[in-house]
Amino acid sequence: MIVTQKKTYSFEEYLAYHDDTDLKYELFNGELIPMPPASGIHALIMVFLYDIFKAEIQRLGLNWLAIPNSVGVRTAERKSRIPDLVILSEIQRESIRTMSSAVLESSPILAVEIVSEGNPQDDYRYKRSEYAVRGIPEYWIVDPIKSKISILLLVEGFYERTEFTGNQTILSETFPELTLTVEQILAA
């Protein structure tokens, strides 16, 4: 039996990688991981949160930017993730203008992942630890399967998690005046 070895990529090779398809890839330990198209509920939640965050950023007069599913975050030497939604600072907003591949080397203000049926452990375990190491101050895990939202706040290098369900109002340090419930988000 012939065993073929998967090609692994350096971070620089990942940034330059193009396969003439519309697929997006994350880099995990040097391996390209294709990101399948989002489910309908996944896409609706992402757009709903994007609209909410964009409106709140404008209301507060901040020069931040909400970006859905297009900006990567380098999480280790040979790892890069593409969160479902990120909030960028003014400096990051300007820095991506000149990037050939929009992958941040610094931590965004906030990252959101929407759990998919096929790989919930990615959001709850792997991305959680990678985002903590990267220093992302606030990380939301939106779980339409279990009908809950976890808000993780970085405290001394580790995430402290608070779970919200039903009509509970979500508490966000990044957007403390936001009045948004789990039901509203999951009904998107």
N, C-alpha and C. Protein backbone atom coordinates (compact mmCIF):
# COMPACT_ATOMS: atom_id res chain seq x y z
N MET A 1 0.84 -1.18 0.00
CA MET A 1 0.00 0.00 0.00
C MET A 1 0.89 1.25 0.00
N ILE A 2 0.54 2.17 -0.84
CA ILE A 2 1.29 3.42 -0.94
C ILE A 2 0.59 4.47 -0.08
N VAL A 3 1.37 5.09 0.76
CA VAL A 3 0.84 6.16 1.62
C VAL A 3 1.38 7.48 1.10
N THR A 4 0.46 8.38 0.79
CA THR A 4 0.90 9.70 0.34
C THR A 4 0.84 10.67 1.51
N GLN A 5 1.79 11.52 1.55
CA GLN A 5 1.85 12.50 2.62
C GLN A 5 1.23 13.80 2.14
N LYS A 6 0.40 14.41 2.99
CA LYS A 6 -0.21 15.68 2.64
C LYS A 6 0.86 16.76 2.61
N LYS A 7 0.71 17.67 1.67
CA LYS A 7 1.63 18.80 1.61
C LYS A 7 1.33 19.74 2.77
N THR A 8 2.37 20.21 3.40
CA THR A 8 2.20 21.23 4.42
C THR A 8 2.76 22.54 3.90
N TYR A 9 2.24 23.62 4.44
CA TYR A 9 2.56 24.96 3.95
C TYR A 9 3.14 25.81 5.08
N SER A 10 4.07 26.64 4.73
CA SER A 10 4.52 27.66 5.67
C SER A 10 3.46 28.77 5.67
N PHE A 11 3.56 29.67 6.61
CA PHE A 11 2.61 30.78 6.66
C PHE A 11 2.72 31.63 5.39
N GLU A 12 3.93 31.86 4.93
CA GLU A 12 4.15 32.66 3.72
C GLU A 12 3.56 31.97 2.50
N GLU A 13 3.71 30.65 2.41
CA GLU A 13 3.11 29.90 1.29
C GLU A 13 1.59 29.96 1.35
N TYR A 14 1.05 29.90 2.56
CA TYR A 14 -0.39 30.02 2.74
C TYR A 14 -0.90 31.37 2.23
N LEU A 15 -0.19 32.44 2.58
CA LEU A 15 -0.61 33.77 2.14
C LEU A 15 -0.62 33.89 0.62
N ALA A 16 0.29 33.21 -0.04
CA ALA A 16 0.42 33.29 -1.50
C ALA A 16 -0.42 32.23 -2.23
N TYR A 17 -1.05 31.32 -1.50
CA TYR A 17 -1.75 30.19 -2.12
C TYR A 17 -3.01 30.64 -2.86
N HIS A 18 -3.15 30.17 -4.09
CA HIS A 18 -4.37 30.38 -4.89
C HIS A 18 -4.59 29.11 -5.69
N ASP A 19 -5.81 28.60 -5.69
CA ASP A 19 -6.08 27.38 -6.45
C ASP A 19 -7.13 27.59 -7.55
N ASP A 20 -7.35 28.84 -7.92
CA ASP A 20 -8.30 29.20 -8.99
C ASP A 20 -9.73 28.75 -8.69
N THR A 21 -10.08 28.67 -7.41
CA THR A 21 -11.46 28.42 -7.00
C THR A 21 -11.88 29.55 -6.07
N ASP A 22 -13.12 29.52 -5.69
CA ASP A 22 -13.63 30.51 -4.74
C ASP A 22 -13.53 30.04 -3.29
N LEU A 23 -12.94 28.86 -3.08
CA LEU A 23 -12.80 28.34 -1.73
C LEU A 23 -11.87 29.21 -0.89
N LYS A 24 -12.21 29.31 0.39
CA LYS A 24 -11.32 29.94 1.37
C LYS A 24 -10.71 28.83 2.19
N TYR A 25 -9.50 29.06 2.67
CA TYR A 25 -8.81 28.06 3.47
C TYR A 25 -8.31 28.68 4.76
N GLU A 26 -8.36 27.87 5.83
CA GLU A 26 -7.65 28.20 7.05
C GLU A 26 -6.39 27.35 7.05
N LEU A 27 -5.41 27.77 7.80
CA LEU A 27 -4.16 27.03 7.91
C LEU A 27 -4.10 26.45 9.32
N PHE A 28 -3.96 25.13 9.41
CA PHE A 28 -3.90 24.48 10.72
C PHE A 28 -2.71 23.54 10.73
N ASN A 29 -1.69 23.91 11.50
CA ASN A 29 -0.45 23.13 11.57
C ASN A 29 0.13 22.85 10.18
N GLY A 30 0.08 23.86 9.33
CA GLY A 30 0.65 23.75 8.00
C GLY A 30 -0.26 23.14 6.97
N GLU A 31 -1.42 22.64 7.37
CA GLU A 31 -2.35 22.00 6.44
C GLU A 31 -3.44 22.98 6.04
N LEU A 32 -3.77 23.01 4.75
CA LEU A 32 -4.86 23.85 4.27
C LEU A 32 -6.19 23.16 4.59
N ILE A 33 -7.06 23.86 5.27
CA ILE A 33 -8.37 23.33 5.63
C ILE A 33 -9.42 24.13 4.85
N PRO A 34 -10.09 23.50 3.87
CA PRO A 34 -11.10 24.24 3.10
C PRO A 34 -12.30 24.60 3.98
N MET A 35 -12.82 25.78 3.76
CA MET A 35 -13.99 26.24 4.50
C MET A 35 -15.21 26.06 3.59
N PRO A 36 -16.09 25.14 3.94
CA PRO A 36 -17.27 24.92 3.09
C PRO A 36 -18.21 26.12 3.15
N PRO A 37 -19.08 26.24 2.17
CA PRO A 37 -20.06 27.33 2.21
C PRO A 37 -20.91 27.23 3.48
N ALA A 38 -21.32 28.36 3.98
CA ALA A 38 -22.11 28.41 5.21
C ALA A 38 -23.52 27.87 4.97
N SER A 39 -24.11 27.32 6.04
CA SER A 39 -25.52 26.93 5.96
C SER A 39 -26.36 28.21 5.93
N GLY A 40 -27.63 28.07 5.64
CA GLY A 40 -28.51 29.24 5.57
C GLY A 40 -28.58 29.99 6.89
N ILE A 41 -28.79 29.27 8.00
CA ILE A 41 -28.90 29.93 9.30
C ILE A 41 -27.57 30.58 9.69
N HIS A 42 -26.49 29.93 9.36
CA HIS A 42 -25.15 30.46 9.62
C HIS A 42 -24.99 31.81 8.92
N ALA A 43 -25.33 31.85 7.65
CA ALA A 43 -25.20 33.08 6.86
C ALA A 43 -26.12 34.18 7.39
N LEU A 44 -27.34 33.82 7.75
CA LEU A 44 -28.29 34.82 8.26
C LEU A 44 -27.84 35.41 9.58
N ILE A 45 -27.32 34.56 10.48
CA ILE A 45 -26.81 35.06 11.76
C ILE A 45 -25.61 35.97 11.53
N MET A 46 -24.72 35.59 10.63
CA MET A 46 -23.53 36.40 10.35
C MET A 46 -23.93 37.79 9.84
N VAL A 47 -24.86 37.85 8.91
CA VAL A 47 -25.29 39.14 8.35
C VAL A 47 -26.02 39.97 9.42
N PHE A 48 -26.84 39.32 10.23
CA PHE A 48 -27.55 40.02 11.29
C PHE A 48 -26.56 40.67 12.26
N LEU A 49 -25.58 39.89 12.72
CA LEU A 49 -24.58 40.44 13.66
C LEU A 49 -23.73 41.52 13.00
N TYR A 50 -23.39 41.34 11.76
CA TYR A 50 -22.64 42.37 11.04
C TYR A 50 -23.43 43.69 11.06
N ASP A 51 -24.70 43.62 10.72
CA ASP A 51 -25.53 44.83 10.70
C ASP A 51 -25.62 45.47 12.09
N ILE A 52 -25.78 44.65 13.13
CA ILE A 52 -25.88 45.15 14.51
C ILE A 52 -24.58 45.83 14.91
N PHE A 53 -23.45 45.15 14.69
CA PHE A 53 -22.15 45.71 15.06
C PHE A 53 -21.84 46.98 14.28
N LYS A 54 -22.12 46.96 12.99
CA LYS A 54 -21.85 48.14 12.16
C LYS A 54 -22.66 49.34 12.67
N ALA A 55 -23.92 49.12 12.98
CA ALA A 55 -24.77 50.22 13.48
C ALA A 55 -24.26 50.72 14.83
N GLU A 56 -23.83 49.81 15.71
CA GLU A 56 -23.34 50.21 17.03
C GLU A 56 -22.03 50.98 16.92
N ILE A 57 -21.17 50.55 16.04
CA ILE A 57 -19.90 51.26 15.80
C ILE A 57 -20.18 52.67 15.30
N GLN A 58 -21.12 52.80 14.38
CA GLN A 58 -21.49 54.12 13.87
C GLN A 58 -22.13 54.98 14.96
N ARG A 59 -23.02 54.37 15.74
CA ARG A 59 -23.70 55.11 16.81
C ARG A 59 -22.70 55.66 17.82
N LEU A 60 -21.67 54.87 18.12
CA LEU A 60 -20.66 55.28 19.08
C LEU A 60 -19.60 56.21 18.47
N GLY A 61 -19.63 56.38 17.16
CA GLY A 61 -18.66 57.25 16.49
C GLY A 61 -17.25 56.70 16.49
N LEU A 62 -17.13 55.38 16.49
CA LEU A 62 -15.81 54.75 16.50
C LEU A 62 -15.30 54.55 15.07
N ASN A 63 -14.00 54.56 14.91
CA ASN A 63 -13.41 54.32 13.59
C ASN A 63 -12.98 52.85 13.48
N TRP A 64 -13.86 51.98 13.95
CA TRP A 64 -13.64 50.54 13.85
C TRP A 64 -14.35 50.03 12.62
N LEU A 65 -14.15 48.77 12.33
CA LEU A 65 -14.79 48.17 11.16
C LEU A 65 -15.22 46.74 11.48
N ALA A 66 -16.47 46.42 11.18
CA ALA A 66 -16.96 45.05 11.28
C ALA A 66 -16.80 44.42 9.90
N ILE A 67 -16.18 43.26 9.86
CA ILE A 67 -15.98 42.56 8.59
C ILE A 67 -16.40 41.10 8.74
N PRO A 68 -17.36 40.67 7.89
CA PRO A 68 -17.77 39.27 7.95
C PRO A 68 -16.92 38.37 7.05
N ASN A 69 -16.43 37.28 7.61
CA ASN A 69 -15.87 36.14 6.89
C ASN A 69 -14.87 36.45 5.79
N SER A 70 -14.02 37.45 5.97
CA SER A 70 -13.02 37.74 4.94
C SER A 70 -11.64 38.05 5.44
N VAL A 71 -11.49 38.34 6.72
CA VAL A 71 -10.19 38.70 7.26
C VAL A 71 -9.70 37.56 8.16
N GLY A 72 -8.49 37.10 7.87
CA GLY A 72 -7.90 36.04 8.67
C GLY A 72 -7.14 36.60 9.86
N VAL A 73 -6.88 35.73 10.81
CA VAL A 73 -6.10 36.07 12.00
C VAL A 73 -5.02 35.01 12.15
N ARG A 74 -3.77 35.44 12.10
CA ARG A 74 -2.68 34.49 12.32
C ARG A 74 -2.66 34.13 13.79
N THR A 75 -2.80 32.84 14.10
CA THR A 75 -2.89 32.42 15.49
C THR A 75 -1.65 31.70 15.99
N ALA A 76 -0.75 31.32 15.09
CA ALA A 76 0.51 30.66 15.46
C ALA A 76 1.41 30.68 14.23
N GLU A 77 2.59 30.07 14.37
CA GLU A 77 3.55 30.09 13.27
C GLU A 77 2.96 29.51 11.99
N ARG A 78 2.23 28.40 12.10
CA ARG A 78 1.66 27.75 10.93
C ARG A 78 0.16 27.56 11.07
N LYS A 79 -0.49 28.60 11.64
CA LYS A 79 -1.94 28.57 11.81
C LYS A 79 -2.54 29.93 11.47
N SER A 80 -3.66 29.89 10.78
CA SER A 80 -4.41 31.10 10.48
C SER A 80 -5.89 30.73 10.41
N ARG A 81 -6.71 31.50 11.06
CA ARG A 81 -8.16 31.26 11.07
C ARG A 81 -8.87 32.42 10.40
N ILE A 82 -10.05 32.14 9.87
CA ILE A 82 -10.90 33.18 9.29
C ILE A 82 -12.20 33.17 10.09
N PRO A 83 -12.30 34.04 11.10
CA PRO A 83 -13.54 34.07 11.90
C PRO A 83 -14.74 34.46 11.05
N ASP A 84 -15.92 34.09 11.52
CA ASP A 84 -17.13 34.46 10.81
C ASP A 84 -17.33 35.97 10.78
N LEU A 85 -16.82 36.64 11.80
CA LEU A 85 -16.92 38.10 11.85
C LEU A 85 -15.84 38.62 12.78
N VAL A 86 -15.23 39.73 12.41
CA VAL A 86 -14.24 40.37 13.28
C VAL A 86 -14.54 41.86 13.37
N ILE A 87 -14.12 42.44 14.48
CA ILE A 87 -14.16 43.89 14.67
C ILE A 87 -12.71 44.35 14.67
N LEU A 88 -12.39 45.25 13.73
CA LEU A 88 -11.02 45.74 13.58
C LEU A 88 -10.89 47.14 14.17
N SER A 89 -9.71 47.41 14.70
CA SER A 89 -9.39 48.75 15.19
C SER A 89 -9.11 49.66 14.00
N GLU A 90 -8.98 50.95 14.29
CA GLU A 90 -8.66 51.92 13.23
C GLU A 90 -7.33 51.57 12.56
N ILE A 91 -6.33 51.20 13.33
CA ILE A 91 -5.02 50.86 12.77
C ILE A 91 -5.12 49.62 11.88
N GLN A 92 -5.85 48.60 12.32
CA GLN A 92 -6.02 47.39 11.52
C GLN A 92 -6.82 47.69 10.25
N ARG A 93 -7.81 48.54 10.39
CA ARG A 93 -8.62 48.94 9.24
C ARG A 93 -7.74 49.53 8.15
N GLU A 94 -6.82 50.37 8.55
CA GLU A 94 -5.91 50.98 7.58
C GLU A 94 -4.86 50.00 7.07
N SER A 95 -4.39 49.11 7.94
CA SER A 95 -3.31 48.20 7.52
C SER A 95 -3.77 47.18 6.49
N ILE A 96 -5.04 46.75 6.52
CA ILE A 96 -5.46 45.75 5.54
C ILE A 96 -5.57 46.31 4.13
N ARG A 97 -5.58 47.63 4.01
CA ARG A 97 -5.64 48.25 2.67
C ARG A 97 -4.48 47.83 1.79
N THR A 98 -3.32 47.64 2.38
CA THR A 98 -2.12 47.35 1.60
C THR A 98 -1.71 45.88 1.62
N MET A 99 -2.50 45.04 2.27
CA MET A 99 -2.15 43.62 2.36
C MET A 99 -2.57 42.89 1.08
N SER A 100 -1.70 42.02 0.57
CA SER A 100 -2.09 41.21 -0.58
C SER A 100 -3.05 40.10 -0.13
N SER A 101 -2.91 39.64 1.10
CA SER A 101 -3.85 38.70 1.72
C SER A 101 -4.23 39.30 3.07
N ALA A 102 -5.52 39.48 3.30
CA ALA A 102 -5.98 40.13 4.52
C ALA A 102 -5.92 39.16 5.70
N VAL A 103 -4.73 39.03 6.28
CA VAL A 103 -4.52 38.18 7.46
C VAL A 103 -3.80 39.04 8.50
N LEU A 104 -4.47 39.24 9.63
CA LEU A 104 -3.91 40.08 10.68
C LEU A 104 -2.82 39.35 11.47
N GLU A 105 -1.77 40.07 11.79
CA GLU A 105 -0.74 39.56 12.69
C GLU A 105 -1.04 40.00 14.12
N SER A 106 -1.95 40.96 14.29
CA SER A 106 -2.35 41.43 15.61
C SER A 106 -3.79 40.96 15.89
N SER A 107 -4.18 41.04 17.16
CA SER A 107 -5.51 40.53 17.51
C SER A 107 -6.59 41.56 17.21
N PRO A 108 -7.69 41.11 16.60
CA PRO A 108 -8.82 42.02 16.41
C PRO A 108 -9.45 42.32 17.77
N ILE A 109 -10.30 43.31 17.81
CA ILE A 109 -10.98 43.71 19.03
C ILE A 109 -11.94 42.62 19.50
N LEU A 110 -12.60 41.98 18.55
CA LEU A 110 -13.60 40.96 18.85
C LEU A 110 -13.65 39.98 17.69
N ALA A 111 -13.87 38.71 17.97
CA ALA A 111 -14.06 37.69 16.93
C ALA A 111 -15.33 36.91 17.24
N VAL A 112 -16.06 36.56 16.19
CA VAL A 112 -17.29 35.77 16.33
C VAL A 112 -17.15 34.52 15.48
N GLU A 113 -17.49 33.39 16.07
CA GLU A 113 -17.59 32.13 15.34
C GLU A 113 -19.00 31.60 15.52
N ILE A 114 -19.58 31.11 14.43
CA ILE A 114 -20.91 30.50 14.45
C ILE A 114 -20.70 29.01 14.28
N VAL A 115 -21.18 28.24 15.24
CA VAL A 115 -20.94 26.80 15.28
C VAL A 115 -21.64 26.10 14.10
N SER A 116 -20.90 25.22 13.45
CA SER A 116 -21.44 24.38 12.39
C SER A 116 -21.61 22.96 12.91
N GLU A 117 -22.57 22.24 12.38
CA GLU A 117 -22.84 20.88 12.87
C GLU A 117 -21.65 19.95 12.73
N GLY A 118 -20.90 20.09 11.67
CA GLY A 118 -19.82 19.15 11.39
C GLY A 118 -18.58 19.29 12.26
N ASN A 119 -18.38 20.44 12.89
CA ASN A 119 -17.13 20.64 13.63
C ASN A 119 -17.27 21.59 14.83
N PRO A 120 -18.18 21.31 15.76
CA PRO A 120 -18.33 22.22 16.91
C PRO A 120 -17.07 22.32 17.77
N GLN A 121 -16.27 21.26 17.81
CA GLN A 121 -15.05 21.28 18.64
C GLN A 121 -14.07 22.34 18.14
N ASP A 122 -14.12 22.69 16.86
CA ASP A 122 -13.24 23.73 16.35
C ASP A 122 -13.45 25.04 17.09
N ASP A 123 -14.72 25.43 17.24
CA ASP A 123 -15.03 26.71 17.87
C ASP A 123 -14.88 26.67 19.39
N TYR A 124 -15.29 25.57 20.00
CA TYR A 124 -15.25 25.47 21.46
C TYR A 124 -13.88 25.14 22.02
N ARG A 125 -13.06 24.42 21.27
CA ARG A 125 -11.75 24.01 21.80
C ARG A 125 -10.59 24.68 21.09
N TYR A 126 -10.43 24.34 19.81
CA TYR A 126 -9.22 24.74 19.10
C TYR A 126 -9.14 26.25 18.90
N LYS A 127 -10.19 26.83 18.35
CA LYS A 127 -10.16 28.27 18.12
C LYS A 127 -10.12 29.03 19.44
N ARG A 128 -10.81 28.51 20.43
CA ARG A 128 -10.79 29.15 21.75
C ARG A 128 -9.36 29.27 22.27
N SER A 129 -8.59 28.19 22.21
CA SER A 129 -7.22 28.26 22.72
C SER A 129 -6.33 29.11 21.81
N GLU A 130 -6.52 29.01 20.50
CA GLU A 130 -5.72 29.81 19.57
C GLU A 130 -6.01 31.30 19.74
N TYR A 131 -7.28 31.66 19.90
CA TYR A 131 -7.64 33.07 20.05
C TYR A 131 -7.15 33.63 21.39
N ALA A 132 -7.14 32.79 22.42
CA ALA A 132 -6.62 33.24 23.71
C ALA A 132 -5.13 33.52 23.60
N VAL A 133 -4.39 32.62 22.96
CA VAL A 133 -2.94 32.82 22.78
C VAL A 133 -2.69 34.07 21.94
N ARG A 134 -3.51 34.31 20.93
CA ARG A 134 -3.36 35.50 20.08
C ARG A 134 -3.71 36.77 20.85
N GLY A 135 -4.51 36.64 21.91
CA GLY A 135 -4.84 37.80 22.74
C GLY A 135 -6.09 38.54 22.30
N ILE A 136 -7.02 37.85 21.66
CA ILE A 136 -8.28 38.49 21.25
C ILE A 136 -9.11 38.72 22.51
N PRO A 137 -9.40 39.98 22.84
CA PRO A 137 -10.03 40.30 24.13
C PRO A 137 -11.43 39.73 24.32
N GLU A 138 -12.20 39.64 23.24
CA GLU A 138 -13.57 39.14 23.37
C GLU A 138 -13.87 38.22 22.20
N TYR A 139 -14.42 37.04 22.51
CA TYR A 139 -14.70 36.01 21.53
C TYR A 139 -16.12 35.49 21.76
N TRP A 140 -16.95 35.58 20.73
CA TRP A 140 -18.33 35.10 20.82
C TRP A 140 -18.42 33.76 20.09
N ILE A 141 -19.06 32.79 20.73
CA ILE A 141 -19.39 31.53 20.08
C ILE A 141 -20.92 31.47 20.00
N VAL A 142 -21.44 31.60 18.79
CA VAL A 142 -22.88 31.56 18.56
C VAL A 142 -23.22 30.14 18.14
N ASP A 143 -24.04 29.48 18.94
CA ASP A 143 -24.35 28.07 18.70
C ASP A 143 -25.84 27.89 18.40
N PRO A 144 -26.22 27.91 17.12
CA PRO A 144 -27.63 27.70 16.78
C PRO A 144 -28.10 26.27 17.03
N ILE A 145 -27.18 25.33 17.14
CA ILE A 145 -27.53 23.93 17.38
C ILE A 145 -28.01 23.75 18.82
N LYS A 146 -27.27 24.34 19.77
CA LYS A 146 -27.63 24.24 21.20
C LYS A 146 -28.40 25.46 21.70
N SER A 147 -28.72 26.38 20.79
CA SER A 147 -29.48 27.59 21.11
C SER A 147 -28.87 28.37 22.27
N LYS A 148 -27.58 28.64 22.15
CA LYS A 148 -26.91 29.43 23.18
C LYS A 148 -25.79 30.26 22.55
N ILE A 149 -25.38 31.27 23.29
CA ILE A 149 -24.25 32.10 22.88
C ILE A 149 -23.31 32.20 24.07
N SER A 150 -22.05 31.92 23.80
CA SER A 150 -21.01 32.02 24.82
C SER A 150 -20.20 33.27 24.54
N ILE A 151 -20.04 34.11 25.54
CA ILE A 151 -19.18 35.28 25.45
C ILE A 151 -17.95 34.96 26.28
N LEU A 152 -16.80 35.00 25.63
CA LEU A 152 -15.54 34.69 26.31
C LEU A 152 -14.71 35.95 26.40
N LEU A 153 -14.32 36.30 27.62
CA LEU A 153 -13.51 37.48 27.86
C LEU A 153 -12.14 37.04 28.33
N LEU A 154 -11.11 37.63 27.74
CA LEU A 154 -9.74 37.26 28.06
C LEU A 154 -9.32 37.90 29.39
N VAL A 155 -8.97 37.04 30.35
CA VAL A 155 -8.51 37.48 31.67
C VAL A 155 -7.21 36.76 31.97
N GLU A 156 -6.12 37.52 32.04
CA GLU A 156 -4.80 36.98 32.34
C GLU A 156 -4.43 35.79 31.46
N GLY A 157 -4.70 35.92 30.17
CA GLY A 157 -4.30 34.91 29.20
C GLY A 157 -5.26 33.75 28.99
N PHE A 158 -6.37 33.71 29.74
CA PHE A 158 -7.35 32.64 29.60
C PHE A 158 -8.74 33.25 29.44
N TYR A 159 -9.60 32.51 28.73
CA TYR A 159 -10.97 32.99 28.56
C TYR A 159 -11.85 32.58 29.73
N GLU A 160 -12.63 33.55 30.21
CA GLU A 160 -13.70 33.28 31.15
C GLU A 160 -14.98 33.34 30.34
N ARG A 161 -15.79 32.27 30.45
CA ARG A 161 -16.96 32.13 29.60
C ARG A 161 -18.24 32.38 30.38
N THR A 162 -19.15 33.13 29.74
CA THR A 162 -20.50 33.30 30.25
C THR A 162 -21.44 32.86 29.14
N GLU A 163 -22.39 31.98 29.48
CA GLU A 163 -23.34 31.49 28.49
C GLU A 163 -24.68 32.19 28.64
N PHE A 164 -25.29 32.45 27.50
CA PHE A 164 -26.59 33.11 27.46
C PHE A 164 -27.54 32.26 26.63
N THR A 165 -28.80 32.20 27.06
CA THR A 165 -29.83 31.45 26.33
C THR A 165 -31.13 32.24 26.32
N GLY A 166 -32.04 31.82 25.47
CA GLY A 166 -33.40 32.38 25.44
C GLY A 166 -33.45 33.89 25.29
N ASN A 167 -34.18 34.52 26.20
CA ASN A 167 -34.36 35.97 26.10
C ASN A 167 -33.39 36.75 26.99
N GLN A 168 -32.31 36.08 27.43
CA GLN A 168 -31.28 36.78 28.21
C GLN A 168 -30.58 37.82 27.33
N THR A 169 -30.32 38.97 27.91
CA THR A 169 -29.58 40.01 27.20
C THR A 169 -28.08 39.68 27.29
N ILE A 170 -27.44 39.70 26.15
CA ILE A 170 -26.01 39.38 26.07
C ILE A 170 -25.22 40.55 26.66
N LEU A 171 -24.21 40.23 27.44
CA LEU A 171 -23.34 41.25 28.03
C LEU A 171 -22.00 41.22 27.31
N SER A 172 -21.65 42.35 26.71
CA SER A 172 -20.41 42.47 25.96
C SER A 172 -19.58 43.61 26.54
N GLU A 173 -18.30 43.36 26.82
CA GLU A 173 -17.43 44.44 27.27
C GLU A 173 -17.10 45.39 26.13
N THR A 174 -17.02 44.86 24.92
CA THR A 174 -16.69 45.70 23.77
C THR A 174 -17.84 46.65 23.44
N PHE A 175 -19.07 46.14 23.55
CA PHE A 175 -20.26 46.93 23.25
C PHE A 175 -21.22 46.87 24.44
N PRO A 176 -20.88 47.56 25.55
CA PRO A 176 -21.67 47.44 26.78
C PRO A 176 -23.09 47.98 26.70
N GLU A 177 -23.37 48.85 25.75
CA GLU A 177 -24.71 49.42 25.65
C GLU A 177 -25.61 48.64 24.69
N LEU A 178 -25.09 47.61 24.08
CA LEU A 178 -25.85 46.79 23.15
C LEU A 178 -26.92 46.02 23.90
N THR A 179 -28.17 46.09 23.43
CA THR A 179 -29.24 45.31 24.04
C THR A 179 -29.70 44.31 22.99
N LEU A 180 -29.23 43.10 23.16
CA LEU A 180 -29.45 42.06 22.17
C LEU A 180 -29.63 40.73 22.90
N THR A 181 -30.63 39.97 22.53
CA THR A 181 -30.87 38.68 23.19
C THR A 181 -30.46 37.54 22.26
N VAL A 182 -30.31 36.37 22.86
CA VAL A 182 -29.98 35.17 22.10
C VAL A 182 -31.11 34.89 21.11
N GLU A 183 -32.35 35.01 21.55
CA GLU A 183 -33.50 34.76 20.67
C GLU A 183 -33.46 35.64 19.43
N GLN A 184 -33.12 36.92 19.61
CA GLN A 184 -33.03 37.82 18.47
C GLN A 184 -31.98 37.36 17.46
N ILE A 185 -30.84 36.96 17.97
CA ILE A 185 -29.75 36.54 17.09
C ILE A 185 -30.12 35.24 16.37
N LEU A 186 -30.65 34.27 17.11
CA LEU A 186 -30.95 32.98 16.49
C LEU A 186 -32.17 33.04 15.57
N ALA A 187 -33.02 34.07 15.71
CA ALA A 187 -34.16 34.24 14.84
C ALA A 187 -33.80 34.96 13.54
N ALA A 188 -32.53 35.33 13.42
CA ALA A 188 -32.09 36.06 12.23
C ALA A 188 -32.53 35.33 10.98
